[in-house]
């Protein structure tokens, strides 16, 4: 398989992206290739600086870059020769099997929707985050920022997408799906959460166990935790902030070390017709390596195909 990498994306690109690609290339099978997408001269210069052989990679030239602060839709349209735009052209025409970037997450989402499109029946694609559990396992939290105003039927789909991902990528059998709320009782929460609960509680599409509270996020109460993107993004960044404080104070043990974003690399965009992985903007070489390995794992798990099959038999009627 071929995994495309936006070499120009991320706060520490291209140094970190090329170094991460070199690390990942050493862990991939001989039949897997990394496609480096970005300014050819910059790529060759970084490979030379790292004493890496350019023949170990495929290089696709792109002379434009989409900045973090640019409007995602405008940038995709106005910069067709950017590394992100060309990466999606490669993905659309199946020159690559997966595409990963630590660049503009907005541009990555827009590019995914307009190039490879949503899976039929998916209302809104979403992104997730891995939450390390105190028992040594992990849970998926979704959405974490893509859909700040998710409606109940959209959150129902998040539950389905998260359940399939937990099974397919993280090998969790019969994942326990919970709704993040301000209390365990069915009638708790705002109107959107209450309506989502009523949709989920009778579901045969996933194993819904009810509401969980914020204090339960890391206590192995659920394998998939569903919320709107506004709430999920606040939760995720609060956890990241606490981890940085603990690092500075020297309070990180083996468990809390698992909160380091480098370990996970990024998150797949769930609900689209291909494999797209978005990494953290501050990704270093280790995070880039893990982002590329995650893209490989998601593609090999055939996640998009499994979501398609699940949606074909979904019990809840959704809007187009």
C-alpha atoms as a PDB file:
ATOM      1  CA  UNK A   1       0.000   0.000   0.000  1.00  0.00           C
ATOM      2  CA  UNK A   2       0.989   3.656  -0.393  1.00  0.00           C
ATOM      3  CA  UNK A   3       0.558   6.218   2.389  1.00  0.00           C
ATOM      4  CA  UNK A   4       0.700   9.870   1.370  1.00  0.00           C
ATOM      5  CA  UNK A   5       2.239  12.405   3.761  1.00  0.00           C
ATOM      6  CA  UNK A   6       1.780  16.178   3.621  1.00  0.00           C
ATOM      7  CA  UNK A   7       5.418  17.098   4.179  1.00  0.00           C
ATOM      8  CA  UNK A   8       4.638  20.797   4.535  1.00  0.00           C
ATOM      9  CA  UNK A   9       1.957  20.435   7.237  1.00  0.00           C
ATOM     10  CA  UNK A  10       2.597  21.071  10.924  1.00  0.00           C
ATOM     11  CA  UNK A  11       4.369  23.591  13.133  1.00  0.00           C
ATOM     12  CA  UNK A  12       7.704  21.801  12.765  1.00  0.00           C
ATOM     13  CA  UNK A  13       7.507  20.883   9.096  1.00  0.00           C
ATOM     14  CA  UNK A  14       9.376  19.926   7.034  1.00  0.00           C
ATOM     15  CA  UNK A  15      12.042  18.784   9.494  1.00  0.00           C
ATOM     16  CA  UNK A  16       9.710  16.782  11.740  1.00  0.00           C
ATOM     17  CA  UNK A  17       7.652  15.364   8.870  1.00  0.00           C
ATOM     18  CA  UNK A  18      10.638  14.048   6.947  1.00  0.00           C
ATOM     19  CA  UNK A  19      12.268  12.681  10.108  1.00  0.00           C
ATOM     20  CA  UNK A  20       8.978  10.988  11.030  1.00  0.00           C
ATOM     21  CA  UNK A  21       8.634   9.511   7.559  1.00  0.00           C
ATOM     22  CA  UNK A  22      12.128   8.034   7.847  1.00  0.00           C
ATOM     23  CA  UNK A  23      11.220   6.459  11.200  1.00  0.00           C
ATOM     24  CA  UNK A  24       7.956   5.059   9.821  1.00  0.00           C
ATOM     25  CA  UNK A  25       9.598   3.684   6.701  1.00  0.00           C
ATOM     26  CA  UNK A  26      11.775   1.474   8.888  1.00  0.00           C
ATOM     27  CA  UNK A  27       8.665  -0.104  10.475  1.00  0.00           C
ATOM     28  CA  UNK A  28       6.625  -0.616   7.315  1.00  0.00           C
ATOM     29  CA  UNK A  29       6.714  -3.821   5.314  1.00  0.00           C
ATOM     30  CA  UNK A  30       8.803  -3.920   2.106  1.00  0.00           C
ATOM     31  CA  UNK A  31       5.588  -3.708   0.053  1.00  0.00           C
ATOM     32  CA  UNK A  32       4.468  -0.455   1.728  1.00  0.00           C
ATOM     33  CA  UNK A  33       5.673   2.928   0.463  1.00  0.00           C
ATOM     34  CA  UNK A  34       5.464   6.454   1.832  1.00  0.00           C
ATOM     35  CA  UNK A  35       4.621   9.152  -0.716  1.00  0.00           C
ATOM     36  CA  UNK A  36       6.147  12.497   0.279  1.00  0.00           C
ATOM     37  CA  UNK A  37       4.010  15.388  -0.971  1.00  0.00           C
ATOM     38  CA  UNK A  38       5.536  18.865  -0.902  1.00  0.00           C
ATOM     39  CA  UNK A  39       8.278  21.027  -2.380  1.00  0.00           C
ATOM     40  CA  UNK A  40      10.674  18.609  -4.102  1.00  0.00           C
ATOM     41  CA  UNK A  41      13.818  20.627  -3.353  1.00  0.00           C
ATOM     42  CA  UNK A  42      12.867  20.940   0.313  1.00  0.00           C
ATOM     43  CA  UNK A  43      12.155  17.215   0.545  1.00  0.00           C
ATOM     44  CA  UNK A  44      15.451  16.245  -1.093  1.00  0.00           C
ATOM     45  CA  UNK A  45      17.322  18.663   1.150  1.00  0.00           C
ATOM     46  CA  UNK A  46      15.788  17.199   4.317  1.00  0.00           C
ATOM     47  CA  UNK A  47      16.385  13.622   3.172  1.00  0.00           C
ATOM     48  CA  UNK A  48      20.008  14.483   2.491  1.00  0.00           C
ATOM     49  CA  UNK A  49      20.340  16.168   5.895  1.00  0.00           C
ATOM     50  CA  UNK A  50      19.075  12.947   7.508  1.00  0.00           C
ATOM     51  CA  UNK A  51      21.336  10.729   5.358  1.00  0.00           C
ATOM     52  CA  UNK A  52      18.243   9.049   3.903  1.00  0.00           C
ATOM     53  CA  UNK A  53      17.979   7.570   0.424  1.00  0.00           C
ATOM     54  CA  UNK A  54      15.373   9.387  -1.746  1.00  0.00           C
ATOM     55  CA  UNK A  55      14.771   6.100  -3.587  1.00  0.00           C
ATOM     56  CA  UNK A  56      13.182   4.705  -0.428  1.00  0.00           C
ATOM     57  CA  UNK A  57      10.289   7.128  -0.980  1.00  0.00           C
ATOM     58  CA  UNK A  58       8.017   8.398  -3.739  1.00  0.00           C
ATOM     59  CA  UNK A  59       8.135  12.185  -4.104  1.00  0.00           C
ATOM     60  CA  UNK A  60       5.229  14.229  -5.485  1.00  0.00           C
ATOM     61  CA  UNK A  61       5.968  17.923  -5.989  1.00  0.00           C
ATOM     62  CA  UNK A  62       3.655  20.589  -4.550  1.00  0.00           C
ATOM     63  CA  UNK A  63       4.880  24.179  -4.447  1.00  0.00           C
ATOM     64  CA  UNK A  64       2.063  25.740  -2.384  1.00  0.00           C
ATOM     65  CA  UNK A  65       1.253  25.419   1.335  1.00  0.00           C
ATOM     66  CA  UNK A  66      -2.055  25.930   3.149  1.00  0.00           C
ATOM     67  CA  UNK A  67      -1.401  27.838   6.361  1.00  0.00           C
ATOM     68  CA  UNK A  68      -3.035  27.038   9.691  1.00  0.00           C
ATOM     69  CA  UNK A  69      -4.873  30.365   9.754  1.00  0.00           C
ATOM     70  CA  UNK A  70      -6.342  30.226   6.247  1.00  0.00           C
ATOM     71  CA  UNK A  71     -10.041  29.666   5.621  1.00  0.00           C
ATOM     72  CA  UNK A  72     -10.205  25.921   4.814  1.00  0.00           C
ATOM     73  CA  UNK A  73     -12.682  26.013   1.907  1.00  0.00           C
ATOM     74  CA  UNK A  74     -11.134  29.097   0.290  1.00  0.00           C
ATOM     75  CA  UNK A  75      -7.631  27.665   0.656  1.00  0.00           C
ATOM     76  CA  UNK A  76      -8.510  24.326  -0.954  1.00  0.00           C
ATOM     77  CA  UNK A  77     -10.039  26.162  -3.929  1.00  0.00           C
ATOM     78  CA  UNK A  78      -7.435  28.909  -4.277  1.00  0.00           C
ATOM     79  CA  UNK A  79      -4.389  26.701  -3.757  1.00  0.00           C
ATOM     80  CA  UNK A  80      -4.853  23.684  -6.052  1.00  0.00           C
ATOM     81  CA  UNK A  81      -1.091  23.086  -6.036  1.00  0.00           C
ATOM     82  CA  UNK A  82      -0.787  22.952  -2.252  1.00  0.00           C
ATOM     83  CA  UNK A  83       0.489  19.802  -0.571  1.00  0.00           C
ATOM     84  CA  UNK A  84      -2.956  19.139   0.944  1.00  0.00           C
ATOM     85  CA  UNK A  85      -4.851  19.694  -2.331  1.00  0.00           C
ATOM     86  CA  UNK A  86      -2.480  17.499  -4.313  1.00  0.00           C
ATOM     87  CA  UNK A  87      -2.592  14.866  -1.581  1.00  0.00           C
ATOM     88  CA  UNK A  88      -6.351  14.630  -1.974  1.00  0.00           C
ATOM     89  CA  UNK A  89      -6.050  14.456  -5.766  1.00  0.00           C
ATOM     90  CA  UNK A  90      -3.691  11.526  -5.284  1.00  0.00           C
ATOM     91  CA  UNK A  91      -6.175   9.891  -2.920  1.00  0.00           C
ATOM     92  CA  UNK A  92      -9.200  10.521  -5.156  1.00  0.00           C
ATOM     93  CA  UNK A  93      -7.505   8.903  -8.154  1.00  0.00           C
ATOM     94  CA  UNK A  94      -6.218   6.031  -5.980  1.00  0.00           C
ATOM     95  CA  UNK A  95      -2.534   6.788  -6.552  1.00  0.00           C
ATOM     96  CA  UNK A  96      -2.277   6.510  -2.763  1.00  0.00           C
ATOM     97  CA  UNK A  97      -4.353   4.410  -0.361  1.00  0.00           C
ATOM     98  CA  UNK A  98      -4.261   6.791   2.617  1.00  0.00           C
ATOM     99  CA  UNK A  99      -3.383  10.425   3.243  1.00  0.00           C
ATOM    100  CA  UNK A 100      -2.040  11.945   6.473  1.00  0.00           C
ATOM    101  CA  UNK A 101      -1.210  15.491   7.536  1.00  0.00           C
ATOM    102  CA  UNK A 102      -0.407  17.488  10.663  1.00  0.00           C
ATOM    103  CA  UNK A 103      -1.383  20.658   8.794  1.00  0.00           C
ATOM    104  CA  UNK A 104      -4.680  22.538   8.766  1.00  0.00           C
ATOM    105  CA  UNK A 105      -7.329  20.190  10.207  1.00  0.00           C
ATOM    106  CA  UNK A 106     -10.059  22.313   8.627  1.00  0.00           C
ATOM    107  CA  UNK A 107      -8.510  21.987   5.179  1.00  0.00           C
ATOM    108  CA  UNK A 108      -8.069  18.253   5.712  1.00  0.00           C
ATOM    109  CA  UNK A 109     -11.755  17.852   6.572  1.00  0.00           C
ATOM    110  CA  UNK A 110     -12.933  20.014   3.662  1.00  0.00           C
ATOM    111  CA  UNK A 111     -10.584  18.210   1.286  1.00  0.00           C
ATOM    112  CA  UNK A 112     -11.827  14.820   2.464  1.00  0.00           C
ATOM    113  CA  UNK A 113     -15.483  15.748   2.006  1.00  0.00           C
ATOM    114  CA  UNK A 114     -15.012  17.270  -1.441  1.00  0.00           C
ATOM    115  CA  UNK A 115     -12.535  14.763  -2.864  1.00  0.00           C
ATOM    116  CA  UNK A 116     -13.475  11.306  -1.593  1.00  0.00           C
ATOM    117  CA  UNK A 117     -16.912  12.326  -0.218  1.00  0.00           C
ATOM    118  CA  UNK A 118     -18.939  11.113   2.732  1.00  0.00           C
ATOM    119  CA  UNK A 119     -20.022   7.508   2.854  1.00  0.00           C
ATOM    120  CA  UNK A 120     -23.622   7.373   1.694  1.00  0.00           C
ATOM    121  CA  UNK A 121     -25.876   7.905   4.703  1.00  0.00           C
ATOM    122  CA  UNK A 122     -23.279   9.709   6.829  1.00  0.00           C
ATOM    123  CA  UNK A 123     -24.676  13.071   7.898  1.00  0.00           C
ATOM    124  CA  UNK A 124     -21.422  14.524   9.246  1.00  0.00           C
ATOM    125  CA  UNK A 125     -17.933  12.989   9.310  1.00  0.00           C
ATOM    126  CA  UNK A 126     -16.226  13.269  12.684  1.00  0.00           C
ATOM    127  CA  UNK A 127     -12.930  12.893  14.482  1.00  0.00           C
ATOM    128  CA  UNK A 128     -12.074  11.072  17.692  1.00  0.00           C
ATOM    129  CA  UNK A 129      -9.437  10.963  20.418  1.00  0.00           C
ATOM    130  CA  UNK A 130      -7.986   8.068  22.388  1.00  0.00           C
ATOM    131  CA  UNK A 131      -8.437   8.282  26.170  1.00  0.00           C
ATOM    132  CA  UNK A 132      -6.107   5.974  28.170  1.00  0.00           C
ATOM    133  CA  UNK A 133      -8.060   4.145  30.873  1.00  0.00           C
ATOM    134  CA  UNK A 134      -6.760   3.506  34.382  1.00  0.00           C
ATOM    135  CA  UNK A 135      -7.033  -0.272  33.877  1.00  0.00           C
ATOM    136  CA  UNK A 136      -4.574  -0.169  30.964  1.00  0.00           C
ATOM    137  CA  UNK A 137      -7.167  -0.119  28.169  1.00  0.00           C
ATOM    138  CA  UNK A 138      -8.419   2.763  26.078  1.00  0.00           C
ATOM    139  CA  UNK A 139     -11.632   4.477  25.062  1.00  0.00           C
ATOM    140  CA  UNK A 140     -12.591   6.579  22.059  1.00  0.00           C
ATOM    141  CA  UNK A 141     -14.083  10.037  22.572  1.00  0.00           C
ATOM    142  CA  UNK A 142     -15.995  11.528  19.648  1.00  0.00           C
ATOM    143  CA  UNK A 143     -16.586  14.070  18.264  1.00  0.00           C
ATOM    144  CA  UNK A 144     -13.629  16.214  19.362  1.00  0.00           C
ATOM    145  CA  UNK A 145     -14.211  19.405  17.408  1.00  0.00           C
ATOM    146  CA  UNK A 146     -15.428  18.709  13.892  1.00  0.00           C
ATOM    147  CA  UNK A 147     -19.130  19.198  14.672  1.00  0.00           C
ATOM    148  CA  UNK A 148     -19.666  21.707  17.519  1.00  0.00           C
ATOM    149  CA  UNK A 149     -23.459  21.759  17.092  1.00  0.00           C
ATOM    150  CA  UNK A 150     -24.192  18.076  16.506  1.00  0.00           C
ATOM    151  CA  UNK A 151     -27.874  17.167  16.576  1.00  0.00           C
ATOM    152  CA  UNK A 152     -29.226  13.945  18.146  1.00  0.00           C
ATOM    153  CA  UNK A 153     -29.278  11.912  14.923  1.00  0.00           C
ATOM    154  CA  UNK A 154     -25.700  12.976  14.217  1.00  0.00           C
ATOM    155  CA  UNK A 155     -24.611  11.873  17.699  1.00  0.00           C
ATOM    156  CA  UNK A 156     -26.355   8.547  17.095  1.00  0.00           C
ATOM    157  CA  UNK A 157     -24.121   8.116  14.064  1.00  0.00           C
ATOM    158  CA  UNK A 158     -21.076   9.074  16.123  1.00  0.00           C
ATOM    159  CA  UNK A 159     -21.933   6.142  18.374  1.00  0.00           C
ATOM    160  CA  UNK A 160     -22.092   3.802  15.391  1.00  0.00           C
ATOM    161  CA  UNK A 161     -18.881   5.135  13.821  1.00  0.00           C
ATOM    162  CA  UNK A 162     -17.065   4.909  17.152  1.00  0.00           C
ATOM    163  CA  UNK A 163     -18.261   1.372  17.789  1.00  0.00           C
ATOM    164  CA  UNK A 164     -17.070   0.177  14.375  1.00  0.00           C
ATOM    165  CA  UNK A 165     -13.706   1.908  14.840  1.00  0.00           C
ATOM    166  CA  UNK A 166     -13.220   0.425  18.309  1.00  0.00           C
ATOM    167  CA  UNK A 167     -13.850  -3.057  16.895  1.00  0.00           C
ATOM    168  CA  UNK A 168     -11.908  -2.703  13.647  1.00  0.00           C
ATOM    169  CA  UNK A 169      -8.849  -0.639  14.597  1.00  0.00           C
ATOM    170  CA  UNK A 170      -8.484  -1.203  18.358  1.00  0.00           C
ATOM    171  CA  UNK A 171      -9.791  -4.792  18.535  1.00  0.00           C
ATOM    172  CA  UNK A 172     -12.385  -4.135  21.251  1.00  0.00           C
ATOM    173  CA  UNK A 173     -15.125  -6.752  21.012  1.00  0.00           C
ATOM    174  CA  UNK A 174     -18.705  -5.523  21.572  1.00  0.00           C
ATOM    175  CA  UNK A 175     -17.655  -1.968  22.587  1.00  0.00           C
ATOM    176  CA  UNK A 176     -19.665  -0.332  25.375  1.00  0.00           C
ATOM    177  CA  UNK A 177     -21.081   2.945  24.042  1.00  0.00           C
ATOM    178  CA  UNK A 178     -21.975   5.769  26.436  1.00  0.00           C
ATOM    179  CA  UNK A 179     -23.277   9.324  26.102  1.00  0.00           C
ATOM    180  CA  UNK A 180     -21.298  11.998  27.961  1.00  0.00           C
ATOM    181  CA  UNK A 181     -23.739  13.892  30.157  1.00  0.00           C
ATOM    182  CA  UNK A 182     -24.122  15.776  33.465  1.00  0.00           C
ATOM    183  CA  UNK A 183     -25.750  12.808  35.210  1.00  0.00           C
ATOM    184  CA  UNK A 184     -26.493   9.115  34.772  1.00  0.00           C
ATOM    185  CA  UNK A 185     -30.278   9.476  34.679  1.00  0.00           C
ATOM    186  CA  UNK A 186     -32.071   9.294  31.346  1.00  0.00           C
ATOM    187  CA  UNK A 187     -33.706  12.707  31.721  1.00  0.00           C
ATOM    188  CA  UNK A 188     -30.447  14.549  32.477  1.00  0.00           C
ATOM    189  CA  UNK A 189     -28.760  17.046  30.190  1.00  0.00           C
ATOM    190  CA  UNK A 190     -29.821  19.556  27.565  1.00  0.00           C
ATOM    191  CA  UNK A 191     -32.536  18.828  25.020  1.00  0.00           C
ATOM    192  CA  UNK A 192     -30.056  17.537  22.445  1.00  0.00           C
ATOM    193  CA  UNK A 193     -28.525  15.040  24.894  1.00  0.00           C
ATOM    194  CA  UNK A 194     -31.927  13.860  26.064  1.00  0.00           C
ATOM    195  CA  UNK A 195     -33.066  13.290  22.481  1.00  0.00           C
ATOM    196  CA  UNK A 196     -29.829  11.486  21.620  1.00  0.00           C
ATOM    197  CA  UNK A 197     -30.312   9.221  24.646  1.00  0.00           C
ATOM    198  CA  UNK A 198     -33.803   8.239  23.470  1.00  0.00           C
ATOM    199  CA  UNK A 199     -32.463   7.385  20.006  1.00  0.00           C
ATOM    200  CA  UNK A 200     -29.591   5.328  21.414  1.00  0.00           C
ATOM    201  CA  UNK A 201     -31.331   3.421  24.191  1.00  0.00           C
ATOM    202  CA  UNK A 202     -33.315   1.164  21.849  1.00  0.00           C
ATOM    203  CA  UNK A 203     -30.497   0.701  19.345  1.00  0.00           C
ATOM    204  CA  UNK A 204     -29.560  -2.681  17.944  1.00  0.00           C
ATOM    205  CA  UNK A 205     -26.686  -1.093  16.007  1.00  0.00           C
ATOM    206  CA  UNK A 206     -24.334  -0.828  18.975  1.00  0.00           C
ATOM    207  CA  UNK A 207     -24.057  -1.706  22.677  1.00  0.00           C
ATOM    208  CA  UNK A 208     -25.450   1.397  24.400  1.00  0.00           C
ATOM    209  CA  UNK A 209     -24.967   1.425  28.188  1.00  0.00           C
ATOM    210  CA  UNK A 210     -26.414   4.865  29.009  1.00  0.00           C
ATOM    211  CA  UNK A 211     -24.969   8.141  30.288  1.00  0.00           C
ATOM    212  CA  UNK A 212     -21.604   8.667  31.938  1.00  0.00           C
ATOM    213  CA  UNK A 213     -20.333  11.782  33.699  1.00  0.00           C
ATOM    214  CA  UNK A 214     -17.060  13.641  33.237  1.00  0.00           C
ATOM    215  CA  UNK A 215     -15.578  11.981  36.333  1.00  0.00           C
ATOM    216  CA  UNK A 216     -15.990   8.593  34.606  1.00  0.00           C
ATOM    217  CA  UNK A 217     -14.026   9.402  31.447  1.00  0.00           C
ATOM    218  CA  UNK A 218     -10.882   7.548  32.536  1.00  0.00           C
ATOM    219  CA  UNK A 219     -12.390   4.877  34.809  1.00  0.00           C
ATOM    220  CA  UNK A 220     -13.080   2.162  32.224  1.00  0.00           C
ATOM    221  CA  UNK A 221     -16.820   2.798  32.263  1.00  0.00           C
ATOM    222  CA  UNK A 222     -17.179   2.765  28.456  1.00  0.00           C
ATOM    223  CA  UNK A 223     -15.200   1.960  25.313  1.00  0.00           C
ATOM    224  CA  UNK A 224     -16.825   4.628  23.127  1.00  0.00           C
ATOM    225  CA  UNK A 225     -17.886   7.977  24.604  1.00  0.00           C
ATOM    226  CA  UNK A 226     -20.161  10.185  22.492  1.00  0.00           C
ATOM    227  CA  UNK A 227     -20.642  13.949  22.696  1.00  0.00           C
ATOM    228  CA  UNK A 228     -20.960  16.976  20.425  1.00  0.00           C
ATOM    229  CA  UNK A 229     -17.738  18.434  19.034  1.00  0.00           C
ATOM    230  CA  UNK A 230     -17.896  21.529  21.256  1.00  0.00           C
ATOM    231  CA  UNK A 231     -17.883  19.459  24.440  1.00  0.00           C
ATOM    232  CA  UNK A 232     -15.391  16.937  23.102  1.00  0.00           C
ATOM    233  CA  UNK A 233     -12.864  19.581  22.097  1.00  0.00           C
ATOM    234  CA  UNK A 234     -13.001  21.218  25.523  1.00  0.00           C
ATOM    235  CA  UNK A 235     -12.534  17.830  27.227  1.00  0.00           C
ATOM    236  CA  UNK A 236      -9.603  16.920  24.980  1.00  0.00           C
ATOM    237  CA  UNK A 237      -7.770  20.225  25.405  1.00  0.00           C
ATOM    238  CA  UNK A 238      -8.339  20.201  29.156  1.00  0.00           C
ATOM    239  CA  UNK A 239      -6.705  16.765  29.322  1.00  0.00           C
ATOM    240  CA  UNK A 240      -3.812  17.980  27.142  1.00  0.00           C
ATOM    241  CA  UNK A 241      -3.358  21.013  29.396  1.00  0.00           C
ATOM    242  CA  UNK A 242      -3.299  18.898  32.548  1.00  0.00           C
ATOM    243  CA  UNK A 243      -0.749  16.564  30.975  1.00  0.00           C
ATOM    244  CA  UNK A 244       1.572  19.484  30.176  1.00  0.00           C
ATOM    245  CA  UNK A 245       1.298  20.779  33.754  1.00  0.00           C
ATOM    246  CA  UNK A 246       2.097  17.322  35.142  1.00  0.00           C
ATOM    247  CA  UNK A 247       5.100  17.042  32.813  1.00  0.00           C
ATOM    248  CA  UNK A 248       6.465  20.372  34.034  1.00  0.00           C
ATOM    249  CA  UNK A 249       6.010  19.332  37.664  1.00  0.00           C
ATOM    250  CA  UNK A 250       7.595  15.918  37.168  1.00  0.00           C
ATOM    251  CA  UNK A 251       4.445  14.027  38.097  1.00  0.00           C
ATOM    252  CA  UNK A 252       4.202  11.710  35.069  1.00  0.00           C
ATOM    253  CA  UNK A 253       4.278   7.968  35.764  1.00  0.00           C
ATOM    254  CA  UNK A 254       3.738   5.052  33.351  1.00  0.00           C
ATOM    255  CA  UNK A 255      -0.006   5.628  33.243  1.00  0.00           C
ATOM    256  CA  UNK A 256       0.045   9.376  32.681  1.00  0.00           C
ATOM    257  CA  UNK A 257       2.803   9.002  30.073  1.00  0.00           C
ATOM    258  CA  UNK A 258       0.127   7.373  27.919  1.00  0.00           C
ATOM    259  CA  UNK A 259      -1.565  10.777  27.553  1.00  0.00           C
ATOM    260  CA  UNK A 260       1.313  12.021  25.406  1.00  0.00           C
ATOM    261  CA  UNK A 261      -0.168  12.816  21.975  1.00  0.00           C
ATOM    262  CA  UNK A 262       2.986  11.430  20.337  1.00  0.00           C
ATOM    263  CA  UNK A 263       1.825   7.905  21.152  1.00  0.00           C
ATOM    264  CA  UNK A 264      -1.255   8.120  18.930  1.00  0.00           C
ATOM    265  CA  UNK A 265      -0.101  10.241  16.015  1.00  0.00           C
ATOM    266  CA  UNK A 266      -3.512  11.479  14.964  1.00  0.00           C
ATOM    267  CA  UNK A 267      -7.123  10.580  14.351  1.00  0.00           C
ATOM    268  CA  UNK A 268      -8.854   9.161  11.286  1.00  0.00           C
ATOM    269  CA  UNK A 269     -11.684  11.164   9.776  1.00  0.00           C
ATOM    270  CA  UNK A 270     -14.628   8.817  10.280  1.00  0.00           C
ATOM    271  CA  UNK A 271     -17.440   8.528   7.747  1.00  0.00           C
ATOM    272  CA  UNK A 272     -15.636   9.200   4.445  1.00  0.00           C
ATOM    273  CA  UNK A 273     -14.902   6.925   1.495  1.00  0.00           C
ATOM    274  CA  UNK A 274     -11.179   6.518   2.123  1.00  0.00           C
ATOM    275  CA  UNK A 275      -8.486   6.732   4.793  1.00  0.00           C
ATOM    276  CA  UNK A 276      -7.579  10.232   5.959  1.00  0.00           C
ATOM    277  CA  UNK A 277      -5.663  10.831   9.196  1.00  0.00           C
ATOM    278  CA  UNK A 278      -5.249  14.234  10.832  1.00  0.00           C
ATOM    279  CA  UNK A 279      -2.313  14.783  13.179  1.00  0.00           C
ATOM    280  CA  UNK A 280      -1.651  17.347  15.902  1.00  0.00           C
ATOM    281  CA  UNK A 281      -0.220  20.636  14.636  1.00  0.00           C
ATOM    282  CA  UNK A 282       2.688  20.398  17.094  1.00  0.00           C
ATOM    283  CA  UNK A 283       3.632  16.890  15.937  1.00  0.00           C
ATOM    284  CA  UNK A 284       7.291  15.957  16.258  1.00  0.00           C
ATOM    285  CA  UNK A 285       9.016  13.145  14.386  1.00  0.00           C
ATOM    286  CA  UNK A 286       7.666  10.407  16.692  1.00  0.00           C
ATOM    287  CA  UNK A 287       4.108  11.684  16.334  1.00  0.00           C
ATOM    288  CA  UNK A 288       4.481  11.834  12.536  1.00  0.00           C
ATOM    289  CA  UNK A 289       5.759   8.262  12.526  1.00  0.00           C
ATOM    290  CA  UNK A 290       2.776   7.082  14.554  1.00  0.00           C
ATOM    291  CA  UNK A 291       0.383   9.085  12.359  1.00  0.00           C
ATOM    292  CA  UNK A 292       1.668   7.218   9.298  1.00  0.00           C
ATOM    293  CA  UNK A 293       1.468   3.849  11.044  1.00  0.00           C
ATOM    294  CA  UNK A 294      -2.096   4.643  12.141  1.00  0.00           C
ATOM    295  CA  UNK A 295      -3.015   5.489   8.537  1.00  0.00           C
ATOM    296  CA  UNK A 296      -1.671   2.096   7.510  1.00  0.00           C
ATOM    297  CA  UNK A 297      -3.608   0.309  10.260  1.00  0.00           C
ATOM    298  CA  UNK A 298      -6.889   2.085   9.438  1.00  0.00           C
ATOM    299  CA  UNK A 299      -6.539   1.226   5.752  1.00  0.00           C
ATOM    300  CA  UNK A 300      -5.677  -2.376   6.472  1.00  0.00           C
ATOM    301  CA  UNK A 301      -8.661  -2.641   8.835  1.00  0.00           C
ATOM    302  CA  UNK A 302     -10.904  -1.665   5.870  1.00  0.00           C
ATOM    303  CA  UNK A 303     -12.673   0.762   8.172  1.00  0.00           C
ATOM    304  CA  UNK A 304     -14.525   2.668   5.438  1.00  0.00           C
ATOM    305  CA  UNK A 305     -15.930  -0.545   3.950  1.00  0.00           C
ATOM    306  CA  UNK A 306     -17.118  -1.726   7.362  1.00  0.00           C
ATOM    307  CA  UNK A 307     -18.841   1.590   8.006  1.00  0.00           C
ATOM    308  CA  UNK A 308     -20.563   1.355   4.628  1.00  0.00           C
ATOM    309  CA  UNK A 309     -21.897  -2.111   5.407  1.00  0.00           C
ATOM    310  CA  UNK A 310     -23.074  -1.031   8.864  1.00  0.00           C
ATOM    311  CA  UNK A 311     -24.910   2.019   7.520  1.00  0.00           C
ATOM    312  CA  UNK A 312     -26.634  -0.100   4.896  1.00  0.00           C
ATOM    313  CA  UNK A 313     -28.467  -1.915   7.677  1.00  0.00           C
ATOM    314  CA  UNK A 314     -28.699   0.885  10.250  1.00  0.00           C
ATOM    315  CA  UNK A 315     -31.951   0.923  12.157  1.00  0.00           C
ATOM    316  CA  UNK A 316     -32.314   4.678  12.607  1.00  0.00           C
ATOM    317  CA  UNK A 317     -33.663   6.739   9.722  1.00  0.00           C
ATOM    318  CA  UNK A 318     -31.320   9.671   9.081  1.00  0.00           C
ATOM    319  CA  UNK A 319     -31.420  12.846   7.037  1.00  0.00           C
ATOM    320  CA  UNK A 320     -29.569  13.054   3.715  1.00  0.00           C
END
